[in-house]
Amino acid sequence: MSKTKVLLAIPFVVLGIAASACANAETQVVMLGTGTPVPNGERAGSSIAVIYNDEAYVFDIGAGVVQRAIQAYEKYDIDALYPTRINHLFLTHLHSDHILDYPELIGTYWWRREQQIQVFGPDGTQAMSEGANAMLAEDTQTRLKDKSPITNREAYRANVTEIDSPGVVLAENGIKIEAFPVSHGDWDKAYGYKITTPDKTIVLSGDTSFNEEVMRQAEGADLLFHEVISHEGWQELSEDWQAYHQYAHTLTTELAELAQQAQPKRLVLYHVLHYAAPIEGVVDEVKAHYNGDVVLANDLDIY
């Protein structure tokens, strides 16, 4: 539980088709949540799961994501997304829409969990984890004291590694996960992630304004998952909100420029702030300045 210093194929998308087709892909990416802080009944908070070698590597854990993981397990027969089988969680930063289901994940059926979940995140992740444990303390202590058959008595606690510098945070069984710094408002440490498996290179921007490090990491990637804010919607905001969003997020016009330089095989838009503009319009806004493959992600899409 102590703070640890880190030393630091064009894919297809499945939109609700049979699980047998999903099984053909060696590396899969499941959209567990594509939403923002703006409440939306069709979009859970931010979360992306990379499935490789029957193991789930989950990035962010916004509100509603555990239910989405259960739905993906049931709909697509992805065993690795059953909550007690999620063994790895990586956090980009600690804004609420990226972490609200953290207590849900560590608390759900923990007494059947075989091992402690490994959690990687920026400064503050350990304190957040301890706070979640405190919130669940009465439940935990009762289960530890009564006659509940418990698989692993330490499994209610996460094993937290706080990332204090960019670099490789995990390399095991053919997968390598690297954290790199992004620029998200006043966060001192916010991260994107690059995931490399034998058949895919995947880059996740996390929340960020236009960032050249994201561009560098995404050069030639099979999949770039990038947050975005609609330029059309942004134009209708007050000057204060315009200034904030350009400081903290990436406009469609800026993302088109980034993608034009990086040339990922597929650009996937998620965490879309669109306000009064239609959400589907962000694809056209990006395509107006970028001639590559661009798609809008929805919850439970698979790439």
C-alpha atoms as a PDB file:
ATOM      1  CA  MET A   1       0.000   0.000   0.000  1.00  0.00           C
ATOM      2  CA  SER A   2       3.012   2.326   0.198  1.00  0.00           C
ATOM      3  CA  LYS A   3       3.748   4.900  -2.470  1.00  0.00           C
ATOM      4  CA  THR A   4       6.030   3.427  -5.118  1.00  0.00           C
ATOM      5  CA  LYS A   5       8.245   5.268  -7.574  1.00  0.00           C
ATOM      6  CA  VAL A   6       7.885   4.056 -11.148  1.00  0.00           C
ATOM      7  CA  LEU A   7      11.096   3.644 -13.133  1.00  0.00           C
ATOM      8  CA  LEU A   8      10.235   4.798 -15.399  1.00  0.00           C
ATOM      9  CA  ALA A   9      -3.850  -4.267 -38.928  1.00  0.00           C
ATOM     10  CA  ILE A  10      -6.418  -1.624 -39.050  1.00  0.00           C
ATOM     11  CA  PRO A  11      -8.873  -2.587 -36.356  1.00  0.00           C
ATOM     12  CA  PHE A  12     -12.548  -3.205 -36.815  1.00  0.00           C
ATOM     13  CA  VAL A  13     -15.383  -1.932 -34.661  1.00  0.00           C
ATOM     14  CA  VAL A  14     -18.101  -4.196 -33.327  1.00  0.00           C
ATOM     15  CA  LEU A  15     -21.410  -2.499 -32.716  1.00  0.00           C
ATOM     16  CA  GLY A  16     -23.498  -5.037 -30.892  1.00  0.00           C
ATOM     17  CA  ILE A  17     -22.610  -8.141 -32.928  1.00  0.00           C
ATOM     18  CA  ALA A  18     -22.124 -11.655 -31.666  1.00  0.00           C
ATOM     19  CA  ALA A  19     -19.353 -12.461 -29.215  1.00  0.00           C
ATOM     20  CA  SER A  20     -17.878 -15.072 -31.528  1.00  0.00           C
ATOM     21  CA  ALA A  21     -16.763 -12.335 -33.919  1.00  0.00           C
ATOM     22  CA  CYS A  22     -15.103 -10.440 -31.038  1.00  0.00           C
ATOM     23  CA  ALA A  23     -13.036 -13.468 -30.118  1.00  0.00           C
ATOM     24  CA  ASN A  24     -11.169 -13.323 -33.427  1.00  0.00           C
ATOM     25  CA  ALA A  25      -9.225 -10.223 -32.398  1.00  0.00           C
ATOM     26  CA  GLU A  26      -6.073 -10.900 -30.401  1.00  0.00           C
ATOM     27  CA  THR A  27      -6.168  -7.446 -28.817  1.00  0.00           C
ATOM     28  CA  GLN A  28      -9.549  -5.794 -28.237  1.00  0.00           C
ATOM     29  CA  VAL A  29     -10.471  -2.363 -26.962  1.00  0.00           C
ATOM     30  CA  VAL A  30     -13.844  -2.062 -25.222  1.00  0.00           C
ATOM     31  CA  MET A  31     -15.407   1.341 -24.605  1.00  0.00           C
ATOM     32  CA  LEU A  32     -16.737   1.078 -21.075  1.00  0.00           C
ATOM     33  CA  GLY A  33     -17.560   4.772 -20.844  1.00  0.00           C
ATOM     34  CA  THR A  34     -17.471   7.599 -23.380  1.00  0.00           C
ATOM     35  CA  GLY A  35     -19.051  10.383 -21.349  1.00  0.00           C
ATOM     36  CA  THR A  36     -17.983  13.640 -19.731  1.00  0.00           C
ATOM     37  CA  PRO A  37     -18.917  15.439 -16.494  1.00  0.00           C
ATOM     38  CA  VAL A  38     -22.187  16.418 -18.240  1.00  0.00           C
ATOM     39  CA  PRO A  39     -24.759  13.793 -17.138  1.00  0.00           C
ATOM     40  CA  ASN A  40     -25.886  11.584 -20.016  1.00  0.00           C
ATOM     41  CA  GLY A  41     -28.064   8.500 -19.646  1.00  0.00           C
ATOM     42  CA  GLU A  42     -26.479   6.806 -22.667  1.00  0.00           C
ATOM     43  CA  ARG A  43     -22.842   7.400 -21.728  1.00  0.00           C
ATOM     44  CA  ALA A  44     -21.048   6.240 -18.602  1.00  0.00           C
ATOM     45  CA  GLY A  45     -18.072   8.180 -17.289  1.00  0.00           C
ATOM     46  CA  SER A  46     -14.740   7.844 -18.981  1.00  0.00           C
ATOM     47  CA  SER A  47     -13.237   4.351 -19.255  1.00  0.00           C
ATOM     48  CA  ILE A  48     -11.471   2.241 -21.862  1.00  0.00           C
ATOM     49  CA  ALA A  49     -10.527  -1.425 -21.438  1.00  0.00           C
ATOM     50  CA  VAL A  50      -7.753  -3.084 -23.416  1.00  0.00           C
ATOM     51  CA  ILE A  51      -8.189  -6.856 -23.471  1.00  0.00           C
ATOM     52  CA  TYR A  52      -5.070  -8.868 -24.201  1.00  0.00           C
ATOM     53  CA  ASN A  53      -4.254 -12.492 -23.424  1.00  0.00           C
ATOM     54  CA  ASP A  54      -7.529 -12.857 -21.459  1.00  0.00           C
ATOM     55  CA  GLU A  55      -6.591  -9.997 -19.137  1.00  0.00           C
ATOM     56  CA  ALA A  56      -8.315  -6.611 -18.850  1.00  0.00           C
ATOM     57  CA  TYR A  57      -6.284  -3.428 -18.538  1.00  0.00           C
ATOM     58  CA  VAL A  58      -8.772  -0.693 -17.622  1.00  0.00           C
ATOM     59  CA  PHE A  59      -8.018   3.002 -18.079  1.00  0.00           C
ATOM     60  CA  ASP A  60     -10.122   5.323 -15.897  1.00  0.00           C
ATOM     61  CA  ILE A  61     -13.232   4.320 -14.006  1.00  0.00           C
ATOM     62  CA  GLY A  62     -15.947   6.983 -14.270  1.00  0.00           C
ATOM     63  CA  ALA A  63     -19.502   6.716 -12.995  1.00  0.00           C
ATOM     64  CA  GLY A  64     -21.437   3.714 -14.300  1.00  0.00           C
ATOM     65  CA  VAL A  65     -18.385   1.921 -15.649  1.00  0.00           C
ATOM     66  CA  VAL A  66     -18.651  -1.190 -13.481  1.00  0.00           C
ATOM     67  CA  GLN A  67     -22.139  -1.814 -14.844  1.00  0.00           C
ATOM     68  CA  ARG A  68     -20.790  -1.344 -18.357  1.00  0.00           C
ATOM     69  CA  ALA A  69     -18.066  -3.908 -17.601  1.00  0.00           C
ATOM     70  CA  ILE A  70     -20.710  -6.389 -16.438  1.00  0.00           C
ATOM     71  CA  GLN A  71     -22.732  -5.697 -19.585  1.00  0.00           C
ATOM     72  CA  ALA A  72     -19.669  -6.305 -21.770  1.00  0.00           C
ATOM     73  CA  TYR A  73     -18.969  -9.545 -19.886  1.00  0.00           C
ATOM     74  CA  GLU A  74     -22.524 -10.716 -20.449  1.00  0.00           C
ATOM     75  CA  LYS A  75     -23.023  -9.423 -23.990  1.00  0.00           C
ATOM     76  CA  TYR A  76     -19.667 -10.338 -25.502  1.00  0.00           C
ATOM     77  CA  ASP A  77     -18.594 -13.163 -23.160  1.00  0.00           C
ATOM     78  CA  ILE A  78     -15.443 -11.288 -22.151  1.00  0.00           C
ATOM     79  CA  ASP A  79     -14.568 -13.043 -18.899  1.00  0.00           C
ATOM     80  CA  ALA A  80     -11.780 -10.575 -18.119  1.00  0.00           C
ATOM     81  CA  LEU A  81     -14.367  -7.804 -17.593  1.00  0.00           C
ATOM     82  CA  TYR A  82     -16.218  -9.541 -14.782  1.00  0.00           C
ATOM     83  CA  PRO A  83     -15.536  -7.120 -11.888  1.00  0.00           C
ATOM     84  CA  THR A  84     -13.576  -9.525  -9.696  1.00  0.00           C
ATOM     85  CA  ARG A  85     -11.375 -10.450 -12.667  1.00  0.00           C
ATOM     86  CA  ILE A  86     -10.319  -6.896 -13.428  1.00  0.00           C
ATOM     87  CA  ASN A  87      -6.830  -6.886 -11.965  1.00  0.00           C
ATOM     88  CA  HIS A  88      -5.308  -3.743 -13.489  1.00  0.00           C
ATOM     89  CA  LEU A  89      -6.549  -0.143 -13.392  1.00  0.00           C
ATOM     90  CA  PHE A  90      -4.711   2.900 -14.761  1.00  0.00           C
ATOM     91  CA  LEU A  91      -5.850   6.463 -14.038  1.00  0.00           C
ATOM     92  CA  THR A  92      -5.137   9.437 -16.274  1.00  0.00           C
ATOM     93  CA  HIS A  93      -5.981  11.997 -13.579  1.00  0.00           C
ATOM     94  CA  LEU A  94      -8.356  12.348 -10.656  1.00  0.00           C
ATOM     95  CA  HIS A  95     -11.236  14.433 -12.010  1.00  0.00           C
ATOM     96  CA  SER A  96     -14.530  12.987 -10.781  1.00  0.00           C
ATOM     97  CA  ASP A  97     -15.762  11.765 -14.181  1.00  0.00           C
ATOM     98  CA  HIS A  98     -12.681   9.528 -14.373  1.00  0.00           C
ATOM     99  CA  ILE A  99     -12.807   7.988 -10.863  1.00  0.00           C
ATOM    100  CA  LEU A 100     -16.347   7.922  -9.420  1.00  0.00           C
ATOM    101  CA  ASP A 101     -16.761   4.156  -9.875  1.00  0.00           C
ATOM    102  CA  TYR A 102     -13.496   3.379  -8.106  1.00  0.00           C
ATOM    103  CA  PRO A 103     -15.210   2.436  -4.797  1.00  0.00           C
ATOM    104  CA  GLU A 104     -17.682   0.380  -6.852  1.00  0.00           C
ATOM    105  CA  LEU A 105     -14.867  -1.550  -8.513  1.00  0.00           C
ATOM    106  CA  ILE A 106     -12.898  -2.348  -5.368  1.00  0.00           C
ATOM    107  CA  GLY A 107     -16.059  -3.027  -3.342  1.00  0.00           C
ATOM    108  CA  THR A 108     -18.008  -5.207  -5.782  1.00  0.00           C
ATOM    109  CA  TYR A 109     -17.872  -8.854  -4.684  1.00  0.00           C
ATOM    110  CA  TRP A 110     -14.364  -8.297  -3.318  1.00  0.00           C
ATOM    111  CA  TRP A 111     -14.657 -11.366  -1.076  1.00  0.00           C
ATOM    112  CA  ARG A 112     -14.605 -13.509  -4.232  1.00  0.00           C
ATOM    113  CA  ARG A 113     -11.592 -11.700  -5.676  1.00  0.00           C
ATOM    114  CA  GLU A 114      -8.476 -13.871  -5.885  1.00  0.00           C
ATOM    115  CA  GLN A 115      -5.943 -11.051  -5.902  1.00  0.00           C
ATOM    116  CA  GLN A 116      -5.664  -7.400  -5.020  1.00  0.00           C
ATOM    117  CA  ILE A 117      -6.295  -5.075  -7.924  1.00  0.00           C
ATOM    118  CA  GLN A 118      -3.179  -3.258  -9.152  1.00  0.00           C
ATOM    119  CA  VAL A 119      -3.869   0.472  -9.502  1.00  0.00           C
ATOM    120  CA  PHE A 120      -1.567   2.957 -11.225  1.00  0.00           C
ATOM    121  CA  GLY A 121      -2.220   6.684 -11.137  1.00  0.00           C
ATOM    122  CA  PRO A 122      -0.861  10.156 -10.377  1.00  0.00           C
ATOM    123  CA  ASP A 123      -0.169  11.692  -6.983  1.00  0.00           C
ATOM    124  CA  GLY A 124      -3.283  11.430  -4.846  1.00  0.00           C
ATOM    125  CA  THR A 125      -4.250   7.935  -5.975  1.00  0.00           C
ATOM    126  CA  GLN A 126      -3.150   6.379  -2.685  1.00  0.00           C
ATOM    127  CA  ALA A 127      -5.132   8.882  -0.626  1.00  0.00           C
ATOM    128  CA  MET A 128      -8.183   8.321  -2.816  1.00  0.00           C
ATOM    129  CA  SER A 129      -7.862   4.588  -2.327  1.00  0.00           C
ATOM    130  CA  GLU A 130      -7.619   4.962   1.434  1.00  0.00           C
ATOM    131  CA  GLY A 131     -10.701   7.172   1.353  1.00  0.00           C
ATOM    132  CA  ALA A 132     -12.637   4.520  -0.555  1.00  0.00           C
ATOM    133  CA  ASN A 133     -11.554   1.921   2.002  1.00  0.00           C
ATOM    134  CA  ALA A 134     -12.735   4.203   4.808  1.00  0.00           C
ATOM    135  CA  MET A 135     -16.113   4.647   3.122  1.00  0.00           C
ATOM    136  CA  LEU A 136     -16.521   0.872   2.866  1.00  0.00           C
ATOM    137  CA  ALA A 137     -15.025   0.074   6.277  1.00  0.00           C
ATOM    138  CA  GLU A 138     -18.216  -1.063   8.015  1.00  0.00           C
ATOM    139  CA  ASP A 139     -19.063  -3.454   5.205  1.00  0.00           C
ATOM    140  CA  THR A 140     -15.493  -4.723   5.008  1.00  0.00           C
ATOM    141  CA  GLN A 141     -15.019  -5.283   8.719  1.00  0.00           C
ATOM    142  CA  THR A 142     -18.360  -7.065   9.046  1.00  0.00           C
ATOM    143  CA  ARG A 143     -17.498  -9.448   6.227  1.00  0.00           C
ATOM    144  CA  LEU A 144     -14.053 -10.102   7.692  1.00  0.00           C
ATOM    145  CA  LYS A 145     -15.530 -10.894  11.133  1.00  0.00           C
ATOM    146  CA  ASP A 146     -18.601 -12.963  10.234  1.00  0.00           C
ATOM    147  CA  LYS A 147     -18.833 -16.387   8.635  1.00  0.00           C
ATOM    148  CA  SER A 148     -18.426 -15.122   5.051  1.00  0.00           C
ATOM    149  CA  PRO A 149     -16.176 -17.448   3.038  1.00  0.00           C
ATOM    150  CA  ILE A 150     -13.519 -15.028   1.758  1.00  0.00           C
ATOM    151  CA  THR A 151     -11.125 -15.995  -1.009  1.00  0.00           C
ATOM    152  CA  ASN A 152      -8.447 -13.423  -0.170  1.00  0.00           C
ATOM    153  CA  ARG A 153      -8.734 -11.377   3.025  1.00  0.00           C
ATOM    154  CA  GLU A 154      -6.581  -8.590   1.573  1.00  0.00           C
ATOM    155  CA  ALA A 155      -8.530  -8.272  -1.681  1.00  0.00           C
ATOM    156  CA  TYR A 156     -10.693  -5.379  -0.449  1.00  0.00           C
ATOM    157  CA  ARG A 157      -7.608  -3.148  -0.709  1.00  0.00           C
ATOM    158  CA  ALA A 158      -5.932  -2.096  -3.909  1.00  0.00           C
ATOM    159  CA  ASN A 159      -2.190  -2.266  -4.405  1.00  0.00           C
ATOM    160  CA  VAL A 160      -1.449   1.301  -5.496  1.00  0.00           C
ATOM    161  CA  THR A 161       1.518   2.583  -7.478  1.00  0.00           C
ATOM    162  CA  GLU A 162       1.714   6.351  -7.832  1.00  0.00           C
ATOM    163  CA  ILE A 163       3.358   7.445 -11.075  1.00  0.00           C
ATOM    164  CA  ASP A 164       5.818  10.270 -10.450  1.00  0.00           C
ATOM    165  CA  SER A 165       7.582  10.302 -13.803  1.00  0.00           C
ATOM    166  CA  PRO A 166       6.807   9.281 -17.387  1.00  0.00           C
ATOM    167  CA  GLY A 167       7.858   5.885 -18.685  1.00  0.00           C
ATOM    168  CA  VAL A 168       6.954   2.215 -18.568  1.00  0.00           C
ATOM    169  CA  VAL A 169       4.546   1.519 -15.735  1.00  0.00           C
ATOM    170  CA  LEU A 170       3.850  -2.127 -16.550  1.00  0.00           C
ATOM    171  CA  ALA A 171       5.399  -4.714 -18.826  1.00  0.00           C
ATOM    172  CA  GLU A 172       4.210  -8.305 -18.558  1.00  0.00           C
ATOM    173  CA  ASN A 173       3.103 -11.239 -20.690  1.00  0.00           C
ATOM    174  CA  GLY A 174       3.600  -9.469 -24.005  1.00  0.00           C
ATOM    175  CA  ILE A 175       1.963  -6.131 -23.134  1.00  0.00           C
ATOM    176  CA  LYS A 176       3.779  -2.871 -22.378  1.00  0.00           C
ATOM    177  CA  ILE A 177       2.037   0.167 -20.905  1.00  0.00           C
ATOM    178  CA  GLU A 178       3.733   3.545 -20.859  1.00  0.00           C
ATOM    179  CA  ALA A 179       2.551   6.763 -19.219  1.00  0.00           C
ATOM    180  CA  PHE A 180       3.325  10.135 -20.779  1.00  0.00           C
ATOM    181  CA  PRO A 181       2.488  13.661 -19.590  1.00  0.00           C
ATOM    182  CA  VAL A 182      -0.440  15.614 -21.011  1.00  0.00           C
ATOM    183  CA  SER A 183      -1.664  19.167 -20.404  1.00  0.00           C
ATOM    184  CA  HIS A 184      -5.043  19.285 -18.690  1.00  0.00           C
ATOM    185  CA  GLY A 185      -5.772  22.615 -17.053  1.00  0.00           C
ATOM    186  CA  ASP A 186      -4.069  23.078 -13.707  1.00  0.00           C
ATOM    187  CA  TRP A 187      -3.327  19.411 -13.041  1.00  0.00           C
ATOM    188  CA  ASP A 188       0.364  19.113 -12.177  1.00  0.00           C
ATOM    189  CA  LYS A 189       0.368  15.496 -13.282  1.00  0.00           C
ATOM    190  CA  ALA A 190      -2.080  14.166 -15.839  1.00  0.00           C
ATOM    191  CA  TYR A 191      -1.200  11.275 -18.103  1.00  0.00           C
ATOM    192  CA  GLY A 192      -1.972   9.647 -21.402  1.00  0.00           C
ATOM    193  CA  TYR A 193      -1.050   6.023 -22.022  1.00  0.00           C
ATOM    194  CA  LYS A 194       0.551   4.059 -24.837  1.00  0.00           C
ATOM    195  CA  ILE A 195      -0.236   0.345 -24.924  1.00  0.00           C
ATOM    196  CA  THR A 196       1.813  -1.980 -27.074  1.00  0.00           C
ATOM    197  CA  THR A 197       0.956  -5.640 -27.740  1.00  0.00           C
ATOM    198  CA  PRO A 198       2.293  -7.950 -30.445  1.00  0.00           C
ATOM    199  CA  ASP A 199      -0.534  -6.955 -32.810  1.00  0.00           C
ATOM    200  CA  LYS A 200      -1.581  -3.434 -31.814  1.00  0.00           C
ATOM    201  CA  THR A 201      -0.252  -0.055 -30.768  1.00  0.00           C
ATOM    202  CA  ILE A 202      -2.908   1.919 -28.912  1.00  0.00           C
ATOM    203  CA  VAL A 203      -2.668   5.473 -27.586  1.00  0.00           C
ATOM    204  CA  LEU A 204      -5.090   7.056 -25.115  1.00  0.00           C
ATOM    205  CA  SER A 205      -4.939  10.815 -24.754  1.00  0.00           C
ATOM    206  CA  GLY A 206      -6.725  11.105 -21.434  1.00  0.00           C
ATOM    207  CA  ASP A 207      -8.056  14.628 -20.883  1.00  0.00           C
ATOM    208  CA  THR A 208      -5.743  17.158 -22.514  1.00  0.00           C
ATOM    209  CA  SER A 209      -5.484  20.346 -24.465  1.00  0.00           C
ATOM    210  CA  PHE A 210      -3.602  20.221 -27.780  1.00  0.00           C
ATOM    211  CA  ASN A 211      -0.411  18.414 -26.843  1.00  0.00           C
ATOM    212  CA  GLU A 212       2.633  17.625 -28.962  1.00  0.00           C
ATOM    213  CA  GLU A 213       3.578  14.680 -26.733  1.00  0.00           C
ATOM    214  CA  VAL A 214       0.282  13.005 -27.624  1.00  0.00           C
ATOM    215  CA  MET A 215       1.114  13.657 -31.270  1.00  0.00           C
ATOM    216  CA  ARG A 216       4.552  12.081 -30.872  1.00  0.00           C
ATOM    217  CA  GLN A 217       3.255   9.025 -29.039  1.00  0.00           C
ATOM    218  CA  ALA A 218       0.467   8.492 -31.585  1.00  0.00           C
ATOM    219  CA  GLU A 219       2.646   8.533 -34.698  1.00  0.00           C
ATOM    220  CA  GLY A 220       1.570   5.551 -36.800  1.00  0.00           C
ATOM    221  CA  ALA A 221      -0.501   4.002 -33.978  1.00  0.00           C
ATOM    222  CA  ASP A 222      -3.185   1.499 -34.910  1.00  0.00           C
ATOM    223  CA  LEU A 223      -5.685   3.296 -32.679  1.00  0.00           C
ATOM    224  CA  LEU A 224      -5.655   6.779 -31.182  1.00  0.00           C
ATOM    225  CA  PHE A 225      -8.424   7.398 -28.652  1.00  0.00           C
ATOM    226  CA  HIS A 226      -8.654  11.140 -28.116  1.00  0.00           C
ATOM    227  CA  GLU A 227     -10.956  13.418 -26.160  1.00  0.00           C
ATOM    228  CA  VAL A 228     -12.444  16.344 -28.049  1.00  0.00           C
ATOM    229  CA  ILE A 229     -14.663  19.404 -27.797  1.00  0.00           C
ATOM    230  CA  SER A 230     -16.874  20.514 -30.678  1.00  0.00           C
ATOM    231  CA  HIS A 231     -15.675  23.777 -32.197  1.00  0.00           C
ATOM    232  CA  GLU A 232     -19.268  24.552 -33.172  1.00  0.00           C
ATOM    233  CA  GLY A 233     -20.515  24.018 -29.622  1.00  0.00           C
ATOM    234  CA  TRP A 234     -17.531  25.833 -28.102  1.00  0.00           C
ATOM    235  CA  GLN A 235     -18.201  28.954 -30.176  1.00  0.00           C
ATOM    236  CA  GLU A 236     -21.572  29.412 -28.492  1.00  0.00           C
ATOM    237  CA  LEU A 237     -20.170  29.365 -24.950  1.00  0.00           C
ATOM    238  CA  SER A 238     -19.384  32.396 -22.816  1.00  0.00           C
ATOM    239  CA  GLU A 239     -15.857  33.799 -23.041  1.00  0.00           C
ATOM    240  CA  ASP A 240     -14.985  32.353 -19.623  1.00  0.00           C
ATOM    241  CA  TRP A 241     -16.020  28.843 -20.637  1.00  0.00           C
ATOM    242  CA  GLN A 242     -14.337  29.177 -24.007  1.00  0.00           C
ATOM    243  CA  ALA A 243     -11.085  30.105 -22.258  1.00  0.00           C
ATOM    244  CA  TYR A 244     -11.347  27.211 -19.812  1.00  0.00           C
ATOM    245  CA  HIS A 245     -12.137  24.569 -22.389  1.00  0.00           C
ATOM    246  CA  GLN A 246      -9.349  25.607 -24.741  1.00  0.00           C
ATOM    247  CA  TYR A 247      -7.016  25.542 -21.726  1.00  0.00           C
ATOM    248  CA  ALA A 248      -8.120  22.058 -20.662  1.00  0.00           C
ATOM    249  CA  HIS A 249      -9.408  20.257 -23.767  1.00  0.00           C
ATOM    250  CA  THR A 250      -8.758  19.822 -27.497  1.00  0.00           C
ATOM    251  CA  LEU A 251     -10.973  21.478 -30.083  1.00  0.00           C
ATOM    252  CA  THR A 252     -11.963  19.472 -33.162  1.00  0.00           C
ATOM    253  CA  THR A 253      -9.907  21.827 -35.334  1.00  0.00           C
ATOM    254  CA  GLU A 254      -6.844  21.271 -33.132  1.00  0.00           C
ATOM    255  CA  LEU A 255      -7.338  17.506 -33.068  1.00  0.00           C
ATOM    256  CA  ALA A 256      -7.494  17.456 -36.870  1.00  0.00           C
ATOM    257  CA  GLU A 257      -4.093  19.170 -36.943  1.00  0.00           C
ATOM    258  CA  LEU A 258      -2.668  16.670 -34.452  1.00  0.00           C
ATOM    259  CA  ALA A 259      -4.019  13.678 -36.366  1.00  0.00           C
ATOM    260  CA  GLN A 260      -2.751  15.076 -39.664  1.00  0.00           C
ATOM    261  CA  GLN A 261       0.743  15.056 -38.190  1.00  0.00           C
ATOM    262  CA  ALA A 262       0.538  11.736 -36.293  1.00  0.00           C
ATOM    263  CA  GLN A 263      -1.383   9.759 -38.958  1.00  0.00           C
ATOM    264  CA  PRO A 264      -2.881   7.031 -36.744  1.00  0.00           C
ATOM    265  CA  LYS A 265      -4.584   4.236 -38.667  1.00  0.00           C
ATOM    266  CA  ARG A 266      -7.839   5.075 -36.893  1.00  0.00           C
ATOM    267  CA  LEU A 267      -8.806   8.061 -34.750  1.00  0.00           C
ATOM    268  CA  VAL A 268     -11.557   7.331 -32.225  1.00  0.00           C
ATOM    269  CA  LEU A 269     -13.327  10.269 -30.555  1.00  0.00           C
ATOM    270  CA  TYR A 270     -14.544   9.868 -26.977  1.00  0.00           C
ATOM    271  CA  HIS A 271     -15.196  12.108 -23.952  1.00  0.00           C
ATOM    272  CA  VAL A 272     -16.933  14.492 -26.374  1.00  0.00           C
ATOM    273  CA  LEU A 273     -17.993  17.900 -25.083  1.00  0.00           C
ATOM    274  CA  HIS A 274     -20.443  19.253 -27.634  1.00  0.00           C
ATOM    275  CA  TYR A 275     -22.975  21.416 -25.772  1.00  0.00           C
ATOM    276  CA  ALA A 276     -25.657  22.766 -28.160  1.00  0.00           C
ATOM    277  CA  ALA A 277     -24.044  21.212 -31.229  1.00  0.00           C
ATOM    278  CA  PRO A 278     -25.013  17.631 -32.210  1.00  0.00           C
ATOM    279  CA  ILE A 279     -22.509  15.104 -30.916  1.00  0.00           C
ATOM    280  CA  GLU A 280     -22.279  13.335 -34.289  1.00  0.00           C
ATOM    281  CA  GLY A 281     -21.033  16.589 -35.797  1.00  0.00           C
ATOM    282  CA  VAL A 282     -17.605  16.261 -34.201  1.00  0.00           C
ATOM    283  CA  VAL A 283     -16.657  13.611 -36.773  1.00  0.00           C
ATOM    284  CA  ASP A 284     -17.447  15.970 -39.651  1.00  0.00           C
ATOM    285  CA  GLU A 285     -15.659  18.818 -37.879  1.00  0.00           C
ATOM    286  CA  VAL A 286     -12.468  16.760 -37.638  1.00  0.00           C
ATOM    287  CA  LYS A 287     -12.818  15.361 -41.161  1.00  0.00           C
ATOM    288  CA  ALA A 288     -13.097  18.869 -42.546  1.00  0.00           C
ATOM    289  CA  HIS A 289      -9.391  19.285 -41.805  1.00  0.00           C
ATOM    290  CA  TYR A 290      -8.145  15.673 -41.680  1.00  0.00           C
ATOM    291  CA  ASN A 291      -8.502  13.006 -44.345  1.00  0.00           C
ATOM    292  CA  GLY A 292      -7.913   9.924 -42.183  1.00  0.00           C
ATOM    293  CA  ASP A 293     -10.272   7.364 -40.634  1.00  0.00           C
ATOM    294  CA  VAL A 294     -12.321   9.009 -37.855  1.00  0.00           C
ATOM    295  CA  VAL A 295     -15.135   7.476 -35.802  1.00  0.00           C
ATOM    296  CA  LEU A 296     -17.241   8.482 -32.807  1.00  0.00           C
ATOM    297  CA  ALA A 297     -17.202   5.973 -29.950  1.00  0.00           C
ATOM    298  CA  ASN A 298     -20.277   4.880 -28.034  1.00  0.00           C
ATOM    299  CA  ASP A 299     -20.432   2.867 -24.835  1.00  0.00           C
ATOM    300  CA  LEU A 300     -19.791  -0.857 -25.403  1.00  0.00           C
ATOM    301  CA  ASP A 301     -18.270  -0.401 -28.841  1.00  0.00           C
ATOM    302  CA  ILE A 302     -15.370  -2.771 -29.476  1.00  0.00           C
ATOM    303  CA  TYR A 303     -12.343  -2.030 -31.644  1.00  0.00           C
END
